[in-house]
Amino acid sequence: MQYPLDHGLPLVQLKERRREMVVALQARVGPIADDELRQIAAIQQTISAFEDVISDLDCEQSDARDDVVDRRGLPWFGRRSVVHSPV
């Protein structure tokens, strides 16, 4: 299985921490403190922000690869090359 690049961000560690906190709450009997819920919510917001950054970085890398291919003179799909253009 190929995992997506994390671009050096601690996304996996944050997800593991969130999971540990949720499992700990499930095993507990009694009310859940507001502070614990805030901590989980903060971790979730951080995870979402990192996922957005990773998505942006992936798009930028994809665009950069496309630019390199375009500079080599290879035509994009749907674009007419000089050879096939009417004079």
C-alpha atoms as a PDB file:
ATOM      1  CA  MET A   1       0.000   0.000   0.000  1.00  0.00           C
ATOM      2  CA  GLN A   2       1.375   3.394  -0.947  1.00  0.00           C
ATOM      3  CA  TYR A   3       0.836   6.147   1.596  1.00  0.00           C
ATOM      4  CA  PRO A   4       0.425   9.772   0.505  1.00  0.00           C
ATOM      5  CA  LEU A   5       3.234  12.178   1.273  1.00  0.00           C
ATOM      6  CA  ASP A   6       2.880  14.012   4.563  1.00  0.00           C
ATOM      7  CA  HIS A   7       5.408  16.710   3.570  1.00  0.00           C
ATOM      8  CA  GLY A   8       7.120  16.369   6.944  1.00  0.00           C
ATOM      9  CA  LEU A   9       4.049  17.400   8.929  1.00  0.00           C
ATOM     10  CA  PRO A  10       3.130  15.448  12.102  1.00  0.00           C
ATOM     11  CA  LEU A  11      -0.276  14.387  10.772  1.00  0.00           C
ATOM     12  CA  VAL A  12       0.000  10.713  11.733  1.00  0.00           C
ATOM     13  CA  GLN A  13       1.087  11.548  15.279  1.00  0.00           C
ATOM     14  CA  LEU A  14      -1.840  13.937  15.690  1.00  0.00           C
ATOM     15  CA  LYS A  15      -4.318  11.343  14.467  1.00  0.00           C
ATOM     16  CA  GLU A  16      -2.854   8.765  16.849  1.00  0.00           C
ATOM     17  CA  ARG A  17      -3.085  11.226  19.746  1.00  0.00           C
ATOM     18  CA  ARG A  18      -6.720  12.011  18.876  1.00  0.00           C
ATOM     19  CA  ARG A  19      -7.513   8.303  18.748  1.00  0.00           C
ATOM     20  CA  GLU A  20      -5.847   7.683  22.137  1.00  0.00           C
ATOM     21  CA  MET A  21      -7.863  10.486  23.707  1.00  0.00           C
ATOM     22  CA  VAL A  22     -11.166   9.233  22.280  1.00  0.00           C
ATOM     23  CA  VAL A  23     -10.471   5.643  23.356  1.00  0.00           C
ATOM     24  CA  ALA A  24      -9.623   6.874  26.853  1.00  0.00           C
ATOM     25  CA  LEU A  25     -12.954   8.712  27.014  1.00  0.00           C
ATOM     26  CA  GLN A  26     -14.861   5.643  25.832  1.00  0.00           C
ATOM     27  CA  ALA A  27     -13.357   3.518  28.581  1.00  0.00           C
ATOM     28  CA  ARG A  28     -14.237   6.006  31.298  1.00  0.00           C
ATOM     29  CA  VAL A  29     -17.357   5.985  33.410  1.00  0.00           C
ATOM     30  CA  GLY A  30     -18.828   9.333  34.341  1.00  0.00           C
ATOM     31  CA  PRO A  31     -19.069  12.780  32.839  1.00  0.00           C
ATOM     32  CA  ILE A  32     -16.533  14.113  30.354  1.00  0.00           C
ATOM     33  CA  ALA A  33     -14.824  17.360  31.286  1.00  0.00           C
ATOM     34  CA  ASP A  34     -15.126  20.337  28.958  1.00  0.00           C
ATOM     35  CA  ASP A  35     -11.341  20.664  28.911  1.00  0.00           C
ATOM     36  CA  GLU A  36     -10.959  17.168  27.478  1.00  0.00           C
ATOM     37  CA  LEU A  37     -13.450  17.910  24.722  1.00  0.00           C
ATOM     38  CA  ARG A  38     -11.642  21.162  23.948  1.00  0.00           C
ATOM     39  CA  GLN A  39      -8.346  19.308  23.632  1.00  0.00           C
ATOM     40  CA  ILE A  40      -9.847  16.800  21.199  1.00  0.00           C
ATOM     41  CA  ALA A  41     -11.480  19.621  19.226  1.00  0.00           C
ATOM     42  CA  ALA A  42      -8.176  21.524  19.056  1.00  0.00           C
ATOM     43  CA  ILE A  43      -6.374  18.438  17.781  1.00  0.00           C
ATOM     44  CA  GLN A  44      -9.126  17.883  15.207  1.00  0.00           C
ATOM     45  CA  GLN A  45      -8.836  21.474  13.977  1.00  0.00           C
ATOM     46  CA  THR A  46      -5.073  21.076  13.689  1.00  0.00           C
ATOM     47  CA  ILE A  47      -5.510  17.832  11.729  1.00  0.00           C
ATOM     48  CA  SER A  48      -7.931  19.548   9.358  1.00  0.00           C
ATOM     49  CA  ALA A  49      -5.540  22.466   8.867  1.00  0.00           C
ATOM     50  CA  PHE A  50      -2.627  20.099   8.125  1.00  0.00           C
ATOM     51  CA  GLU A  51      -4.754  18.153   5.642  1.00  0.00           C
ATOM     52  CA  ASP A  52      -5.596  21.416   3.852  1.00  0.00           C
ATOM     53  CA  VAL A  53      -1.911  22.375   3.710  1.00  0.00           C
ATOM     54  CA  ILE A  54      -0.955  18.927   2.410  1.00  0.00           C
ATOM     55  CA  SER A  55      -3.645  19.167  -0.261  1.00  0.00           C
ATOM     56  CA  ASP A  56      -2.337  22.582  -1.330  1.00  0.00           C
ATOM     57  CA  LEU A  57       1.247  21.314  -1.460  1.00  0.00           C
ATOM     58  CA  ASP A  58       0.177  18.292  -3.518  1.00  0.00           C
ATOM     59  CA  CYS A  59      -1.597  20.577  -5.988  1.00  0.00           C
ATOM     60  CA  GLU A  60       1.442  22.851  -6.256  1.00  0.00           C
ATOM     61  CA  GLN A  61       3.708  19.868  -6.913  1.00  0.00           C
ATOM     62  CA  SER A  62       1.306  18.557  -9.530  1.00  0.00           C
ATOM     63  CA  ASP A  63       1.188  21.963 -11.218  1.00  0.00           C
ATOM     64  CA  ALA A  64       4.991  22.149 -11.168  1.00  0.00           C
ATOM     65  CA  ARG A  65       5.231  18.720 -12.829  1.00  0.00           C
ATOM     66  CA  ASP A  66       2.719  19.831 -15.466  1.00  0.00           C
ATOM     67  CA  ASP A  67       4.757  22.980 -16.149  1.00  0.00           C
ATOM     68  CA  VAL A  68       7.899  20.908 -16.671  1.00  0.00           C
ATOM     69  CA  VAL A  69       6.086  18.678 -19.158  1.00  0.00           C
ATOM     70  CA  ASP A  70       4.675  21.752 -20.928  1.00  0.00           C
ATOM     71  CA  ARG A  71       8.124  23.349 -21.219  1.00  0.00           C
ATOM     72  CA  ARG A  72       9.451  20.231 -22.928  1.00  0.00           C
ATOM     73  CA  GLY A  73       7.130  20.987 -25.813  1.00  0.00           C
ATOM     74  CA  LEU A  74       4.792  18.077 -25.288  1.00  0.00           C
ATOM     75  CA  PRO A  75       1.238  19.069 -26.206  1.00  0.00           C
ATOM     76  CA  TRP A  76      -1.505  18.873 -23.599  1.00  0.00           C
ATOM     77  CA  PHE A  77      -4.503  16.719 -24.381  1.00  0.00           C
ATOM     78  CA  GLY A  78      -7.041  18.648 -26.415  1.00  0.00           C
ATOM     79  CA  ARG A  79      -4.477  21.226 -27.528  1.00  0.00           C
ATOM     80  CA  ARG A  80      -3.395  21.384 -31.121  1.00  0.00           C
ATOM     81  CA  SER A  81       0.273  21.154 -31.772  1.00  0.00           C
ATOM     82  CA  VAL A  82       1.999  23.282 -34.371  1.00  0.00           C
ATOM     83  CA  VAL A  83       2.176  20.329 -36.765  1.00  0.00           C
ATOM     84  CA  HIS A  84      -1.592  19.760 -36.731  1.00  0.00           C
ATOM     85  CA  SER A  85      -2.704  23.383 -36.811  1.00  0.00           C
ATOM     86  CA  PRO A  86      -4.210  24.675 -40.055  1.00  0.00           C
ATOM     87  CA  VAL A  87      -2.106  27.278 -41.800  1.00  0.00           C
END
